[in-house]
N, C-alpha and C. Protein backbone atom coordinates (compact mmCIF):
# COMPACT_ATOMS: atom_id res chain seq x y z
N MET A 1 6.57 -40.31 128.00
CA MET A 1 7.17 -39.20 128.64
C MET A 1 7.61 -39.44 130.09
N THR A 2 6.73 -40.02 130.92
CA THR A 2 6.96 -40.39 132.26
C THR A 2 8.29 -41.32 132.50
N LEU A 3 8.39 -42.25 131.59
CA LEU A 3 9.50 -43.13 131.53
C LEU A 3 10.90 -42.45 131.23
N SER A 4 10.72 -41.60 130.26
CA SER A 4 11.93 -40.78 129.88
C SER A 4 12.45 -39.91 130.97
N LEU A 5 11.39 -39.24 131.66
CA LEU A 5 11.79 -38.44 132.71
C LEU A 5 12.39 -39.14 133.84
N CYS A 6 11.87 -40.41 134.21
CA CYS A 6 12.48 -41.23 135.05
C CYS A 6 13.92 -41.52 134.75
N ARG A 7 14.22 -42.09 133.45
CA ARG A 7 15.40 -42.35 132.97
C ARG A 7 16.41 -41.15 133.16
N PHE A 8 16.05 -40.04 132.58
CA PHE A 8 16.93 -38.92 132.65
C PHE A 8 17.05 -38.48 134.28
N ALA A 9 16.16 -38.58 135.01
CA ALA A 9 16.33 -38.18 136.43
C ALA A 9 17.32 -39.05 137.10
N LEU A 10 17.10 -40.48 136.91
CA LEU A 10 17.98 -41.45 137.44
C LEU A 10 19.52 -41.25 137.06
N ALA A 11 19.59 -41.14 135.63
CA ALA A 11 20.91 -40.88 135.14
C ALA A 11 21.54 -39.62 135.63
N PHE A 12 20.81 -38.63 135.65
CA PHE A 12 21.37 -37.26 136.20
C PHE A 12 21.87 -37.43 137.70
N ILE A 13 21.14 -38.17 138.61
CA ILE A 13 21.41 -38.22 139.93
C ILE A 13 22.76 -39.04 139.87
N TRP A 14 22.90 -40.13 139.21
CA TRP A 14 24.15 -40.90 139.27
C TRP A 14 25.29 -40.10 138.81
N ILE A 15 25.21 -39.28 137.67
CA ILE A 15 26.22 -38.44 137.01
C ILE A 15 26.58 -37.31 138.09
N TYR A 16 25.60 -36.65 138.64
CA TYR A 16 25.70 -35.49 139.53
C TYR A 16 26.54 -36.07 140.74
N GLN A 17 26.08 -37.09 141.26
CA GLN A 17 26.79 -37.71 142.48
C GLN A 17 28.20 -38.26 142.19
N GLY A 18 28.46 -38.60 141.03
CA GLY A 18 29.87 -38.91 140.71
C GLY A 18 30.72 -37.79 140.46
N ILE A 19 30.18 -36.69 139.88
CA ILE A 19 31.05 -35.46 139.53
C ILE A 19 31.11 -34.46 140.75
N VAL A 20 29.95 -34.02 141.24
CA VAL A 20 30.21 -32.96 142.13
C VAL A 20 30.70 -33.39 143.70
N PRO A 21 30.17 -34.27 144.42
CA PRO A 21 30.88 -34.59 145.68
C PRO A 21 32.15 -35.36 145.58
N LYS A 22 32.45 -36.09 144.39
CA LYS A 22 33.48 -36.80 144.38
C LYS A 22 34.76 -36.31 143.60
N TRP A 23 34.43 -35.89 142.27
CA TRP A 23 35.45 -35.45 141.33
C TRP A 23 35.70 -34.00 141.71
N LEU A 24 34.77 -33.16 142.02
CA LEU A 24 34.92 -31.72 142.21
C LEU A 24 35.42 -31.47 143.72
N GLY A 25 36.28 -32.13 144.19
CA GLY A 25 36.34 -32.05 145.63
C GLY A 25 37.69 -32.80 146.03
N PRO A 26 37.39 -33.97 146.58
CA PRO A 26 36.07 -34.66 146.97
C PRO A 26 35.74 -33.99 148.29
N HIS A 27 34.46 -34.09 148.45
CA HIS A 27 33.82 -33.37 149.62
C HIS A 27 34.20 -34.21 150.86
N ASP A 28 34.26 -33.28 152.03
CA ASP A 28 34.65 -33.83 153.30
C ASP A 28 33.80 -35.11 153.72
N ASP A 29 32.60 -35.16 153.48
CA ASP A 29 31.70 -36.29 153.97
C ASP A 29 32.16 -37.47 153.09
N GLU A 30 32.42 -37.27 151.83
CA GLU A 30 32.76 -38.50 150.96
C GLU A 30 34.13 -39.05 151.59
N LEU A 31 34.99 -38.32 151.88
CA LEU A 31 36.23 -38.76 152.43
C LEU A 31 36.09 -39.40 153.91
N ALA A 32 35.16 -38.76 154.64
CA ALA A 32 34.94 -39.40 156.11
C ALA A 32 34.43 -40.77 155.84
N MET A 33 33.52 -40.96 154.95
CA MET A 33 32.84 -42.26 154.83
C MET A 33 33.89 -43.37 154.33
N ASN A 34 34.76 -42.88 153.29
CA ASN A 34 35.80 -43.74 152.90
C ASN A 34 36.81 -44.11 153.93
N GLN A 35 37.09 -43.03 154.92
CA GLN A 35 38.02 -43.41 156.03
C GLN A 35 37.56 -44.35 157.16
N VAL A 36 36.22 -44.43 157.06
CA VAL A 36 35.48 -45.29 158.08
C VAL A 36 35.96 -46.75 157.65
N LEU A 37 36.36 -47.00 156.48
CA LEU A 37 36.80 -48.36 156.06
C LEU A 37 38.25 -48.55 156.43
N GLY A 38 39.02 -47.56 156.85
CA GLY A 38 40.23 -47.73 157.42
C GLY A 38 41.23 -46.97 156.33
N ALA A 39 40.79 -46.32 155.46
CA ALA A 39 41.71 -45.78 154.47
C ALA A 39 42.25 -44.53 155.04
N SER A 40 43.36 -44.28 154.43
CA SER A 40 44.22 -42.91 154.71
C SER A 40 43.42 -41.99 154.13
N HIS A 41 43.75 -40.66 154.29
CA HIS A 41 43.35 -39.45 153.54
C HIS A 41 43.47 -39.60 152.04
N GLU A 42 44.83 -39.92 151.69
CA GLU A 42 45.27 -40.18 150.28
C GLU A 42 44.30 -41.33 149.62
N GLN A 43 44.21 -42.47 150.26
CA GLN A 43 43.36 -43.55 149.62
C GLN A 43 41.89 -43.18 149.74
N ALA A 44 41.45 -42.36 150.59
CA ALA A 44 40.10 -42.03 150.52
C ALA A 44 39.62 -41.15 149.41
N VAL A 45 40.61 -40.32 149.03
CA VAL A 45 40.62 -39.39 147.81
C VAL A 45 40.36 -40.21 146.66
N TRP A 46 41.42 -41.39 146.56
CA TRP A 46 41.26 -42.14 145.31
C TRP A 46 40.17 -43.04 145.20
N ILE A 47 39.64 -43.51 146.39
CA ILE A 47 38.23 -44.41 146.43
C ILE A 47 37.22 -43.32 145.88
N ALA A 48 37.25 -42.18 146.38
CA ALA A 48 36.10 -41.13 145.92
C ALA A 48 36.26 -40.91 144.36
N TYR A 49 37.41 -40.85 143.86
CA TYR A 49 37.46 -40.71 142.32
C TYR A 49 37.14 -41.83 141.66
N GLY A 50 37.54 -43.03 142.17
CA GLY A 50 37.07 -44.28 141.59
C GLY A 50 35.45 -44.47 141.59
N GLY A 51 34.92 -44.18 142.78
CA GLY A 51 33.50 -44.32 142.97
C GLY A 51 32.78 -43.37 142.10
N GLY A 52 33.35 -42.16 141.93
CA GLY A 52 32.70 -41.23 141.08
C GLY A 52 32.75 -41.73 139.71
N ALA A 53 33.81 -42.18 139.36
CA ALA A 53 33.85 -42.83 137.86
C ALA A 53 32.86 -43.97 137.58
N LEU A 54 32.63 -44.80 138.59
CA LEU A 54 31.70 -45.82 138.51
C LEU A 54 30.13 -45.25 138.47
N GLU A 55 30.02 -44.12 139.25
CA GLU A 55 28.62 -43.46 139.27
C GLU A 55 28.33 -42.80 137.92
N VAL A 56 29.39 -42.20 137.39
CA VAL A 56 29.13 -41.37 136.06
C VAL A 56 29.02 -42.53 135.03
N GLY A 57 29.74 -43.49 135.00
CA GLY A 57 29.70 -44.60 134.09
C GLY A 57 28.21 -45.17 134.09
N LEU A 58 27.63 -45.45 135.21
CA LEU A 58 26.35 -46.03 135.31
C LEU A 58 25.33 -45.08 134.90
N GLY A 59 25.43 -43.78 135.09
CA GLY A 59 24.56 -42.65 134.72
C GLY A 59 24.50 -42.77 133.18
N LEU A 60 25.80 -42.80 132.58
CA LEU A 60 25.82 -42.84 131.14
C LEU A 60 25.21 -44.02 130.43
N ALA A 61 25.49 -45.20 131.14
CA ALA A 61 24.77 -46.49 130.82
C ALA A 61 23.40 -46.40 130.72
N ILE A 62 22.71 -45.81 131.66
CA ILE A 62 21.34 -45.66 131.77
C ILE A 62 20.88 -44.88 130.53
N LEU A 63 21.52 -43.73 130.11
CA LEU A 63 21.18 -42.99 128.98
C LEU A 63 21.35 -43.78 127.64
N VAL A 64 22.50 -44.61 127.57
CA VAL A 64 22.95 -45.39 126.26
C VAL A 64 22.01 -46.45 126.03
N TRP A 65 22.16 -47.22 127.12
CA TRP A 65 21.35 -48.59 126.99
C TRP A 65 19.92 -48.56 127.72
N TRP A 66 19.20 -47.63 127.49
CA TRP A 66 18.00 -47.30 128.25
C TRP A 66 16.97 -48.27 128.03
N ARG A 67 17.08 -49.07 126.92
CA ARG A 67 16.09 -50.20 126.69
C ARG A 67 16.37 -51.54 127.24
N ARG A 68 17.57 -51.62 127.77
CA ARG A 68 18.09 -52.78 128.51
C ARG A 68 17.57 -52.79 129.95
N ARG A 69 17.65 -54.03 130.54
CA ARG A 69 17.33 -54.12 132.03
C ARG A 69 18.43 -53.81 132.79
N TRP A 70 19.59 -54.31 132.48
CA TRP A 70 20.72 -54.30 133.14
C TRP A 70 21.14 -52.92 133.85
N PRO A 71 21.03 -51.84 133.14
CA PRO A 71 21.40 -50.62 133.80
C PRO A 71 20.64 -50.25 135.01
N TYR A 72 19.19 -50.68 134.85
CA TYR A 72 18.39 -50.42 136.09
C TYR A 72 18.59 -51.38 137.12
N GLN A 73 18.89 -52.58 136.93
CA GLN A 73 19.31 -53.74 137.82
C GLN A 73 20.54 -53.29 138.51
N LEU A 74 21.52 -52.81 137.86
CA LEU A 74 22.81 -52.52 138.38
C LEU A 74 22.60 -51.21 139.23
N SER A 75 21.77 -50.41 138.71
CA SER A 75 21.39 -49.12 139.53
C SER A 75 20.75 -49.55 141.11
N ALA A 76 19.75 -50.48 140.84
CA ALA A 76 19.15 -50.85 142.13
C ALA A 76 20.02 -51.60 143.19
N LEU A 77 21.09 -52.36 142.60
CA LEU A 77 22.00 -52.96 143.33
C LEU A 77 22.97 -52.01 143.91
N GLY A 78 23.47 -51.02 143.11
CA GLY A 78 24.33 -50.14 143.70
C GLY A 78 23.79 -49.25 144.88
N ILE A 79 22.39 -48.81 144.55
CA ILE A 79 21.70 -48.07 145.64
C ILE A 79 21.63 -48.81 146.90
N GLY A 80 21.20 -50.17 146.78
CA GLY A 80 21.27 -50.96 147.94
C GLY A 80 22.46 -51.18 148.68
N LEU A 81 23.65 -51.49 147.87
CA LEU A 81 24.82 -51.74 148.68
C LEU A 81 25.43 -50.38 149.13
N LEU A 82 25.13 -49.14 148.57
CA LEU A 82 25.67 -47.92 149.13
C LEU A 82 24.78 -47.63 150.39
N SER A 83 23.55 -47.97 150.36
CA SER A 83 22.67 -47.84 151.40
C SER A 83 23.05 -48.47 152.69
N VAL A 84 23.45 -49.83 152.41
CA VAL A 84 23.99 -50.75 153.48
C VAL A 84 25.13 -50.22 154.05
N PHE A 85 26.06 -49.74 153.17
CA PHE A 85 27.34 -49.38 153.58
C PHE A 85 27.23 -48.02 154.52
N VAL A 86 26.29 -47.15 154.20
CA VAL A 86 26.07 -45.81 155.10
C VAL A 86 25.44 -46.45 156.26
N LEU A 87 24.42 -47.29 156.16
CA LEU A 87 23.62 -47.75 157.41
C LEU A 87 24.60 -48.36 158.46
N TRP A 88 25.46 -49.29 157.87
CA TRP A 88 26.46 -50.11 158.72
C TRP A 88 27.60 -49.19 159.29
N LEU A 89 28.16 -48.55 158.49
CA LEU A 89 29.58 -47.84 158.67
C LEU A 89 29.41 -46.42 159.04
N ALA A 90 28.48 -45.77 158.57
CA ALA A 90 28.42 -44.29 158.71
C ALA A 90 26.88 -43.81 159.03
N PRO A 91 26.20 -44.41 160.04
CA PRO A 91 24.78 -43.99 160.10
C PRO A 91 24.56 -42.64 160.44
N GLN A 92 25.53 -41.89 160.78
CA GLN A 92 25.32 -40.39 161.14
C GLN A 92 24.85 -39.62 159.79
N PHE A 93 25.12 -40.25 158.54
CA PHE A 93 24.82 -39.63 157.41
C PHE A 93 23.42 -39.67 156.95
N LEU A 94 22.76 -40.63 157.59
CA LEU A 94 21.33 -40.85 157.39
C LEU A 94 20.44 -39.66 157.87
N LEU A 95 20.91 -39.09 158.94
CA LEU A 95 20.18 -37.85 159.57
C LEU A 95 20.70 -36.50 159.01
N ALA A 96 21.71 -36.57 158.20
CA ALA A 96 22.22 -35.17 157.69
C ALA A 96 21.33 -34.50 156.72
N ALA A 97 21.49 -33.40 156.41
CA ALA A 97 20.72 -32.62 155.29
C ALA A 97 20.99 -33.39 154.07
N PHE A 98 20.05 -33.33 153.25
CA PHE A 98 20.22 -34.17 151.97
C PHE A 98 20.71 -35.53 152.21
N ASN A 99 20.14 -36.12 153.07
CA ASN A 99 20.67 -37.36 153.57
C ASN A 99 20.64 -38.59 152.62
N ALA A 100 21.42 -39.65 152.89
CA ALA A 100 21.51 -40.84 152.07
C ALA A 100 20.16 -41.60 151.97
N ALA A 101 19.52 -41.62 153.01
CA ALA A 101 18.09 -42.41 153.09
C ALA A 101 17.16 -41.78 151.96
N ILE A 102 17.06 -40.51 151.98
CA ILE A 102 16.14 -39.90 151.06
C ILE A 102 16.64 -40.07 149.62
N LEU A 103 17.82 -39.85 149.33
CA LEU A 103 18.50 -40.00 147.94
C LEU A 103 18.02 -41.32 147.59
N ALA A 104 18.49 -42.41 148.45
CA ALA A 104 18.27 -43.83 147.98
C ALA A 104 16.72 -44.12 147.70
N LEU A 105 15.87 -43.65 148.63
CA LEU A 105 14.42 -43.90 148.33
C LEU A 105 13.96 -43.33 147.09
N SER A 106 14.51 -42.10 146.70
CA SER A 106 14.14 -41.45 145.60
C SER A 106 14.60 -42.15 144.32
N MET A 107 15.91 -42.73 144.37
CA MET A 107 16.38 -43.40 143.31
C MET A 107 15.72 -44.70 143.10
N ILE A 108 15.45 -45.42 144.21
CA ILE A 108 14.74 -46.63 144.07
C ILE A 108 13.37 -46.45 143.35
N ALA A 109 12.65 -45.41 143.86
CA ALA A 109 11.32 -45.02 143.15
C ALA A 109 11.56 -44.67 141.68
N LEU A 110 12.52 -44.06 141.16
CA LEU A 110 12.85 -43.86 139.78
C LEU A 110 12.95 -45.20 139.05
N VAL A 111 13.72 -46.08 139.73
CA VAL A 111 13.99 -47.40 139.12
C VAL A 111 12.78 -48.33 138.89
N GLU A 112 11.91 -48.15 140.05
CA GLU A 112 10.61 -48.97 139.97
C GLU A 112 9.75 -48.23 138.91
N LEU A 113 9.57 -46.95 138.89
CA LEU A 113 8.82 -46.35 137.93
C LEU A 113 9.31 -46.63 136.51
N ARG A 114 10.50 -46.76 136.36
CA ARG A 114 10.99 -46.94 134.88
C ARG A 114 10.62 -48.52 134.59
N ARG A 115 10.73 -49.40 135.38
CA ARG A 115 10.50 -50.83 135.15
C ARG A 115 8.97 -51.02 135.04
N SER A 116 8.12 -50.14 135.50
CA SER A 116 6.64 -50.56 135.43
C SER A 116 6.13 -50.26 133.98
């Protein structure tokens, strides 16, 4: 039961983060982080849509291939890379409400619980 809960929670977070702040907007914070890379507003929108697609895909992969290791390894890698991106290029988002640091720590805990 606990492992199933971890799997569904992790998948839900990826799918939610792909749909709500990226596809249903995109949210201004998503665009601001993408523009830190030097992207124009239009490019930032497309980066958000593409990132959202990758996140939704990863969430679905966790649900479909839940017995395989690679979705969880890819999840841990994705969380790590996104965290480094925010820490290096947009550290102001680490202190924001519902911030990236807490989200990343929660997702890493779910990955680790799932692996144990």
